[in-house]
Amino acid sequence: MTKQRELATSLLESVADELETTFREHRSCNTMLARYASDVSQALDIPDLTPRFACFLRKSKWKGFFGGMITNARLPWFVPKRMRQLTPIEKINEDYPIFPDDFAAATFTKYYPEMVPCIDQGFDSLLCDANTELAIEEIALSQLLLRQYDDALDTARRLTESHRQNNIRFVSAIEQYRLDRVDDAEAMRESLDDGTLNGWAAAQFAMGICNRVPWCPYPYPDY
């Protein structure tokens, strides 16, 4: 997966540059993104980048950790030491494992049991009943897990919300990179909306294309 690793490294470098620019201006940055990116760099064994993300965790001011947070709880006036430390690699491997062979079936069973019969029977019945943008998007994403790439793109054409169509292309690119369909993956990546591969999306893309589950509940939206 040489191509994937090169791309992942480039994307993580762009995330580090983005965070560095913000840090220079404000002495703080998005430390949640910095932590996730450091998790990616550790999971993918890109040691040159991990210290850059660790630096943001160590040096970011309080605002980078709690600024803008809406909560009924009283926030601490200082940043706890554990929040400034890197995630242990054991925890990273638990949270972002290598894709298992039965990932599609296990994911359907856990999050969308109504999708399980579609593994053998197809998605026609669910598509007939899908009457929301989210439902259509979820079907297209499920088709991608089953490597039904053309069917997923056909389903995506039913969508009217452009960000959901872009989500389908984003996951399609990840799936094809991790299965080493590099030419198709490159074409799909180039079709992404401008500015897609920045920040969180860049770090998640880097994790996914190197065959690590990039978020929970991948490939479905985490909001």
C-alpha atoms as a PDB file:
ATOM      1  CA  MET A   1       0.000   0.000   0.000  1.00  0.00           C
ATOM      2  CA  THR A   2       2.807   2.376  -0.916  1.00  0.00           C
ATOM      3  CA  LYS A   3       0.552   4.853  -2.712  1.00  0.00           C
ATOM      4  CA  GLN A   4      -1.893   4.901   0.172  1.00  0.00           C
ATOM      5  CA  ARG A   5       0.834   5.481   2.730  1.00  0.00           C
ATOM      6  CA  GLU A   6       2.347   8.313   0.715  1.00  0.00           C
ATOM      7  CA  LEU A   7      -1.052   9.983   0.412  1.00  0.00           C
ATOM      8  CA  ALA A   8      -1.820   9.455   4.091  1.00  0.00           C
ATOM      9  CA  THR A   9       1.489  11.054   5.069  1.00  0.00           C
ATOM     10  CA  SER A  10       0.827  14.035   2.806  1.00  0.00           C
ATOM     11  CA  LEU A  11      -2.657  14.519   4.266  1.00  0.00           C
ATOM     12  CA  LEU A  12      -1.391  14.358   7.838  1.00  0.00           C
ATOM     13  CA  GLU A  13       1.329  16.867   7.006  1.00  0.00           C
ATOM     14  CA  SER A  14      -1.366  19.230   5.728  1.00  0.00           C
ATOM     15  CA  VAL A  15      -3.321  18.780   8.966  1.00  0.00           C
ATOM     16  CA  ALA A  16      -0.197  19.533  11.006  1.00  0.00           C
ATOM     17  CA  ASP A  17       0.457  22.662   8.917  1.00  0.00           C
ATOM     18  CA  GLU A  18      -3.147  23.785   9.383  1.00  0.00           C
ATOM     19  CA  LEU A  19      -2.980  23.339  13.149  1.00  0.00           C
ATOM     20  CA  GLU A  20       0.409  25.037  13.291  1.00  0.00           C
ATOM     21  CA  THR A  21      -0.921  28.118  11.521  1.00  0.00           C
ATOM     22  CA  THR A  22      -3.792  28.393  13.982  1.00  0.00           C
ATOM     23  CA  PHE A  23      -1.476  27.800  16.925  1.00  0.00           C
ATOM     24  CA  ARG A  24       0.915  30.554  15.851  1.00  0.00           C
ATOM     25  CA  GLU A  25      -1.959  33.035  15.648  1.00  0.00           C
ATOM     26  CA  HIS A  26      -3.821  32.094  18.828  1.00  0.00           C
ATOM     27  CA  ARG A  27      -1.445  30.012  20.961  1.00  0.00           C
ATOM     28  CA  SER A  28      -4.131  27.348  20.865  1.00  0.00           C
ATOM     29  CA  CYS A  29      -5.728  25.106  18.257  1.00  0.00           C
ATOM     30  CA  ASN A  30      -8.302  22.343  17.855  1.00  0.00           C
ATOM     31  CA  THR A  31      -6.778  19.863  20.271  1.00  0.00           C
ATOM     32  CA  MET A  32      -9.441  17.223  19.516  1.00  0.00           C
ATOM     33  CA  LEU A  33      -8.231  17.200  15.925  1.00  0.00           C
ATOM     34  CA  ALA A  34      -4.602  17.250  17.073  1.00  0.00           C
ATOM     35  CA  ARG A  35      -5.244  14.183  19.244  1.00  0.00           C
ATOM     36  CA  TYR A  36      -7.028  12.305  16.469  1.00  0.00           C
ATOM     37  CA  ALA A  37      -4.263  13.139  13.994  1.00  0.00           C
ATOM     38  CA  SER A  38      -1.667  11.943  16.500  1.00  0.00           C
ATOM     39  CA  ASP A  39      -3.667   8.723  16.851  1.00  0.00           C
ATOM     40  CA  VAL A  40      -3.561   8.315  13.059  1.00  0.00           C
ATOM     41  CA  SER A  41       0.180   8.942  12.894  1.00  0.00           C
ATOM     42  CA  GLN A  42       0.789   6.364  15.617  1.00  0.00           C
ATOM     43  CA  ALA A  43      -1.578   3.791  14.094  1.00  0.00           C
ATOM     44  CA  LEU A  44       0.094   4.152  10.696  1.00  0.00           C
ATOM     45  CA  ASP A  45       3.592   4.301  12.208  1.00  0.00           C
ATOM     46  CA  ILE A  46       4.529   7.719  10.822  1.00  0.00           C
ATOM     47  CA  PRO A  47       6.797   8.761  13.709  1.00  0.00           C
ATOM     48  CA  ASP A  48       8.056  11.995  12.146  1.00  0.00           C
ATOM     49  CA  LEU A  49       4.600  13.564  12.502  1.00  0.00           C
ATOM     50  CA  THR A  50       3.566  12.367  15.946  1.00  0.00           C
ATOM     51  CA  PRO A  51       5.801  14.873  17.820  1.00  0.00           C
ATOM     52  CA  ARG A  52       4.218  17.779  15.928  1.00  0.00           C
ATOM     53  CA  PHE A  53       0.746  16.821  17.120  1.00  0.00           C
ATOM     54  CA  ALA A  54       2.041  16.077  20.611  1.00  0.00           C
ATOM     55  CA  CYS A  55       3.452  19.610  20.751  1.00  0.00           C
ATOM     56  CA  PHE A  56      -0.010  21.099  20.170  1.00  0.00           C
ATOM     57  CA  LEU A  57      -1.410  19.020  23.032  1.00  0.00           C
ATOM     58  CA  ARG A  58       1.384  20.111  25.373  1.00  0.00           C
ATOM     59  CA  LYS A  59       1.402  23.794  24.543  1.00  0.00           C
ATOM     60  CA  SER A  60      -2.131  24.741  23.562  1.00  0.00           C
ATOM     61  CA  LYS A  61      -3.833  27.141  25.944  1.00  0.00           C
ATOM     62  CA  TRP A  62      -7.016  26.304  27.841  1.00  0.00           C
ATOM     63  CA  LYS A  63      -9.152  27.635  25.004  1.00  0.00           C
ATOM     64  CA  GLY A  64      -7.883  24.922  22.658  1.00  0.00           C
ATOM     65  CA  PHE A  65      -9.344  22.268  24.951  1.00  0.00           C
ATOM     66  CA  PHE A  66     -12.478  23.874  26.365  1.00  0.00           C
ATOM     67  CA  GLY A  67     -13.113  27.037  24.365  1.00  0.00           C
ATOM     68  CA  GLY A  68     -16.650  27.189  22.981  1.00  0.00           C
ATOM     69  CA  MET A  69     -17.712  24.061  24.868  1.00  0.00           C
ATOM     70  CA  ILE A  70     -21.388  24.100  25.900  1.00  0.00           C
ATOM     71  CA  THR A  71     -22.016  22.124  29.061  1.00  0.00           C
ATOM     72  CA  ASN A  72     -23.946  22.286  32.334  1.00  0.00           C
ATOM     73  CA  ALA A  73     -20.896  21.021  34.196  1.00  0.00           C
ATOM     74  CA  ARG A  74     -18.308  23.376  35.613  1.00  0.00           C
ATOM     75  CA  LEU A  75     -15.209  23.283  33.434  1.00  0.00           C
ATOM     76  CA  PRO A  76     -11.802  22.991  35.121  1.00  0.00           C
ATOM     77  CA  TRP A  77      -9.714  26.132  35.184  1.00  0.00           C
ATOM     78  CA  PHE A  78      -6.656  24.132  34.107  1.00  0.00           C
ATOM     79  CA  VAL A  79      -6.101  21.412  31.502  1.00  0.00           C
ATOM     80  CA  PRO A  80      -5.748  17.960  33.138  1.00  0.00           C
ATOM     81  CA  LYS A  81      -2.385  16.342  32.446  1.00  0.00           C
ATOM     82  CA  ARG A  82      -3.943  13.294  30.769  1.00  0.00           C
ATOM     83  CA  MET A  83      -5.527  15.540  28.121  1.00  0.00           C
ATOM     84  CA  ARG A  84      -2.074  16.726  27.113  1.00  0.00           C
ATOM     85  CA  GLN A  85      -0.677  13.219  26.692  1.00  0.00           C
ATOM     86  CA  LEU A  86      -0.729  11.037  23.597  1.00  0.00           C
ATOM     87  CA  THR A  87      -3.201   8.190  23.413  1.00  0.00           C
ATOM     88  CA  PRO A  88      -1.541   4.839  24.257  1.00  0.00           C
ATOM     89  CA  ILE A  89      -1.070   2.702  21.152  1.00  0.00           C
ATOM     90  CA  GLU A  90      -3.086  -0.123  22.760  1.00  0.00           C
ATOM     91  CA  LYS A  91      -6.100   2.185  22.992  1.00  0.00           C
ATOM     92  CA  ILE A  92      -5.594   3.372  19.415  1.00  0.00           C
ATOM     93  CA  ASN A  93      -5.520  -0.201  18.119  1.00  0.00           C
ATOM     94  CA  GLU A  94      -8.726  -0.901  20.039  1.00  0.00           C
ATOM     95  CA  ASP A  95     -10.540   2.202  18.761  1.00  0.00           C
ATOM     96  CA  TYR A  96      -9.265   2.091  15.155  1.00  0.00           C
ATOM     97  CA  PRO A  97      -8.624  -1.556  14.306  1.00  0.00           C
ATOM     98  CA  ILE A  98      -7.531  -3.004  10.990  1.00  0.00           C
ATOM     99  CA  PHE A  99     -10.640  -3.796   8.950  1.00  0.00           C
ATOM    100  CA  PRO A 100     -11.681  -7.410   9.630  1.00  0.00           C
ATOM    101  CA  ASP A 101     -12.913  -9.604   6.787  1.00  0.00           C
ATOM    102  CA  ASP A 102     -16.459  -9.655   8.201  1.00  0.00           C
ATOM    103  CA  PHE A 103     -16.644  -5.892   8.740  1.00  0.00           C
ATOM    104  CA  ALA A 104     -19.728  -5.325   6.557  1.00  0.00           C
ATOM    105  CA  ALA A 105     -21.837  -8.057   8.159  1.00  0.00           C
ATOM    106  CA  ALA A 106     -20.719  -7.115  11.687  1.00  0.00           C
ATOM    107  CA  THR A 107     -21.465  -3.433  11.059  1.00  0.00           C
ATOM    108  CA  PHE A 108     -24.938  -4.138   9.685  1.00  0.00           C
ATOM    109  CA  THR A 109     -25.710  -6.422  12.617  1.00  0.00           C
ATOM    110  CA  LYS A 110     -24.609  -3.842  15.173  1.00  0.00           C
ATOM    111  CA  TYR A 111     -26.004  -0.616  13.700  1.00  0.00           C
ATOM    112  CA  TYR A 112     -28.468  -1.443  10.928  1.00  0.00           C
ATOM    113  CA  PRO A 113     -29.885  -4.971  11.320  1.00  0.00           C
ATOM    114  CA  GLU A 114     -32.432  -4.219   8.600  1.00  0.00           C
ATOM    115  CA  MET A 115     -29.497  -4.224   6.167  1.00  0.00           C
ATOM    116  CA  VAL A 116     -28.441  -7.806   6.969  1.00  0.00           C
ATOM    117  CA  PRO A 117     -30.882  -9.481   4.516  1.00  0.00           C
ATOM    118  CA  CYS A 118     -29.589  -7.137   1.796  1.00  0.00           C
ATOM    119  CA  ILE A 119     -26.269  -8.977   1.792  1.00  0.00           C
ATOM    120  CA  ASP A 120     -27.979 -11.777  -0.144  1.00  0.00           C
ATOM    121  CA  GLN A 121     -31.193 -10.159  -1.368  1.00  0.00           C
ATOM    122  CA  GLY A 122     -30.053  -6.728  -2.515  1.00  0.00           C
ATOM    123  CA  PHE A 123     -31.352  -3.308  -1.548  1.00  0.00           C
ATOM    124  CA  ASP A 124     -34.380  -2.889  -3.850  1.00  0.00           C
ATOM    125  CA  SER A 125     -36.922  -3.278  -1.058  1.00  0.00           C
ATOM    126  CA  LEU A 126     -35.208  -0.786   1.237  1.00  0.00           C
ATOM    127  CA  LEU A 127     -34.766   1.680  -1.613  1.00  0.00           C
ATOM    128  CA  CYS A 128     -38.480   1.557  -2.354  1.00  0.00           C
ATOM    129  CA  ASP A 129     -39.214   2.531   1.246  1.00  0.00           C
ATOM    130  CA  ALA A 130     -36.437   5.122   1.599  1.00  0.00           C
ATOM    131  CA  ASN A 131     -38.171   8.488   1.865  1.00  0.00           C
ATOM    132  CA  THR A 132     -35.473  10.668   3.453  1.00  0.00           C
ATOM    133  CA  GLU A 133     -32.079  11.853   2.304  1.00  0.00           C
ATOM    134  CA  LEU A 134     -30.436  10.154   5.287  1.00  0.00           C
ATOM    135  CA  ALA A 135     -32.075   6.801   4.528  1.00  0.00           C
ATOM    136  CA  ILE A 136     -30.898   6.928   0.908  1.00  0.00           C
ATOM    137  CA  GLU A 137     -27.377   7.919   1.996  1.00  0.00           C
ATOM    138  CA  GLU A 138     -27.213   5.026   4.473  1.00  0.00           C
ATOM    139  CA  ILE A 139     -28.211   2.546   1.760  1.00  0.00           C
ATOM    140  CA  ALA A 140     -25.544   3.852  -0.605  1.00  0.00           C
ATOM    141  CA  LEU A 141     -22.916   3.624   2.137  1.00  0.00           C
ATOM    142  CA  SER A 142     -24.002   0.052   2.888  1.00  0.00           C
ATOM    143  CA  GLN A 143     -23.652  -0.844  -0.779  1.00  0.00           C
ATOM    144  CA  LEU A 144     -20.090   0.439  -0.678  1.00  0.00           C
ATOM    145  CA  LEU A 145     -19.266  -1.901   2.208  1.00  0.00           C
ATOM    146  CA  LEU A 146     -20.425  -4.765   0.008  1.00  0.00           C
ATOM    147  CA  ARG A 147     -18.177  -3.481  -2.815  1.00  0.00           C
ATOM    148  CA  GLN A 148     -21.190  -2.580  -4.954  1.00  0.00           C
ATOM    149  CA  TYR A 149     -19.532   0.610  -6.147  1.00  0.00           C
ATOM    150  CA  ASP A 150     -21.624   1.304  -9.245  1.00  0.00           C
ATOM    151  CA  ASP A 151     -24.869   0.552  -7.418  1.00  0.00           C
ATOM    152  CA  ALA A 152     -23.849   2.919  -4.618  1.00  0.00           C
ATOM    153  CA  LEU A 153     -23.227   5.747  -7.091  1.00  0.00           C
ATOM    154  CA  ASP A 154     -26.578   5.052  -8.753  1.00  0.00           C
ATOM    155  CA  THR A 155     -28.246   5.267  -5.347  1.00  0.00           C
ATOM    156  CA  ALA A 156     -26.373   8.496  -4.615  1.00  0.00           C
ATOM    157  CA  ARG A 157     -27.926  10.084  -7.720  1.00  0.00           C
ATOM    158  CA  ARG A 158     -31.255   9.977  -5.897  1.00  0.00           C
ATOM    159  CA  LEU A 159     -29.884  12.429  -3.357  1.00  0.00           C
ATOM    160  CA  THR A 160     -30.564  16.140  -3.707  1.00  0.00           C
ATOM    161  CA  GLU A 161     -28.251  17.330  -0.912  1.00  0.00           C
ATOM    162  CA  SER A 162     -24.775  17.780  -2.345  1.00  0.00           C
ATOM    163  CA  HIS A 163     -22.920  17.126   0.925  1.00  0.00           C
ATOM    164  CA  ARG A 164     -24.475  13.669   1.119  1.00  0.00           C
ATOM    165  CA  GLN A 165     -23.443  12.917  -2.450  1.00  0.00           C
ATOM    166  CA  ASN A 166     -19.936  13.995  -1.519  1.00  0.00           C
ATOM    167  CA  ASN A 167     -20.016  11.696   1.531  1.00  0.00           C
ATOM    168  CA  ILE A 168     -20.692   8.762  -0.802  1.00  0.00           C
ATOM    169  CA  ARG A 169     -17.721   9.667  -3.007  1.00  0.00           C
ATOM    170  CA  PHE A 170     -15.544  10.140   0.099  1.00  0.00           C
ATOM    171  CA  VAL A 171     -16.294   6.663   1.454  1.00  0.00           C
ATOM    172  CA  SER A 172     -16.102   5.132  -2.023  1.00  0.00           C
ATOM    173  CA  ALA A 173     -12.571   6.480  -2.381  1.00  0.00           C
ATOM    174  CA  ILE A 174     -11.584   5.086   1.027  1.00  0.00           C
ATOM    175  CA  GLU A 175     -13.022   1.664   0.230  1.00  0.00           C
ATOM    176  CA  GLN A 176     -11.279   1.424  -3.114  1.00  0.00           C
ATOM    177  CA  TYR A 177      -7.934   2.620  -1.773  1.00  0.00           C
ATOM    178  CA  ARG A 178      -7.962   0.109   1.047  1.00  0.00           C
ATOM    179  CA  LEU A 179      -8.784  -2.693  -1.385  1.00  0.00           C
ATOM    180  CA  ASP A 180      -5.918  -1.518  -3.621  1.00  0.00           C
ATOM    181  CA  ARG A 181      -8.142  -0.390  -6.492  1.00  0.00           C
ATOM    182  CA  VAL A 182      -5.856   2.607  -6.789  1.00  0.00           C
ATOM    183  CA  ASP A 183      -6.866   3.932 -10.226  1.00  0.00           C
ATOM    184  CA  ASP A 184     -10.566   3.934  -9.344  1.00  0.00           C
ATOM    185  CA  ALA A 185      -9.799   5.385  -5.923  1.00  0.00           C
ATOM    186  CA  GLU A 186      -7.762   8.217  -7.437  1.00  0.00           C
ATOM    187  CA  ALA A 187     -10.593   9.080  -9.811  1.00  0.00           C
ATOM    188  CA  MET A 188     -13.060   9.129  -6.938  1.00  0.00           C
ATOM    189  CA  ARG A 189     -10.763  11.291  -4.800  1.00  0.00           C
ATOM    190  CA  GLU A 190     -10.424  13.786  -7.635  1.00  0.00           C
ATOM    191  CA  SER A 191     -14.216  14.001  -7.843  1.00  0.00           C
ATOM    192  CA  LEU A 192     -14.551  15.188  -4.232  1.00  0.00           C
ATOM    193  CA  ASP A 193     -15.790  18.701  -3.629  1.00  0.00           C
ATOM    194  CA  ASP A 194     -13.071  21.332  -3.300  1.00  0.00           C
ATOM    195  CA  GLY A 195     -11.811  21.615   0.251  1.00  0.00           C
ATOM    196  CA  THR A 196     -13.069  18.201   1.342  1.00  0.00           C
ATOM    197  CA  LEU A 197      -9.685  16.814   2.372  1.00  0.00           C
ATOM    198  CA  ASN A 198      -8.886  19.304   5.107  1.00  0.00           C
ATOM    199  CA  GLY A 199      -8.881  19.013   8.878  1.00  0.00           C
ATOM    200  CA  TRP A 200     -10.870  16.113  10.280  1.00  0.00           C
ATOM    201  CA  ALA A 201     -11.778  14.680   6.888  1.00  0.00           C
ATOM    202  CA  ALA A 202      -8.127  14.609   5.815  1.00  0.00           C
ATOM    203  CA  ALA A 203      -7.087  12.736   8.957  1.00  0.00           C
ATOM    204  CA  GLN A 204      -9.995  10.295   8.688  1.00  0.00           C
ATOM    205  CA  PHE A 205      -9.259   9.700   5.017  1.00  0.00           C
ATOM    206  CA  ALA A 206      -5.621   8.961   5.869  1.00  0.00           C
ATOM    207  CA  MET A 207      -6.659   6.409   8.477  1.00  0.00           C
ATOM    208  CA  GLY A 208      -9.206   4.711   6.225  1.00  0.00           C
ATOM    209  CA  ILE A 209      -7.140   4.366   3.072  1.00  0.00           C
ATOM    210  CA  CYS A 210      -4.479   2.519   5.082  1.00  0.00           C
ATOM    211  CA  ASN A 211      -7.054  -0.094   6.091  1.00  0.00           C
ATOM    212  CA  ARG A 212      -7.893   1.159   9.574  1.00  0.00           C
ATOM    213  CA  VAL A 213     -11.489   1.824  10.657  1.00  0.00           C
ATOM    214  CA  PRO A 214     -11.392   5.645  10.741  1.00  0.00           C
ATOM    215  CA  TRP A 215     -14.392   6.424  12.935  1.00  0.00           C
ATOM    216  CA  CYS A 216     -17.348   4.829  14.669  1.00  0.00           C
ATOM    217  CA  PRO A 217     -19.824   3.982  13.165  1.00  0.00           C
ATOM    218  CA  TYR A 218     -17.962   3.951   9.823  1.00  0.00           C
ATOM    219  CA  PRO A 219     -19.072   4.362   7.075  1.00  0.00           C
ATOM    220  CA  TYR A 220     -22.185   6.073   8.425  1.00  0.00           C
ATOM    221  CA  PRO A 221     -22.277   9.708   9.568  1.00  0.00           C
ATOM    222  CA  ASP A 222     -21.086  10.167  13.146  1.00  0.00           C
ATOM    223  CA  TYR A 223     -23.500  13.000  13.902  1.00  0.00           C
END
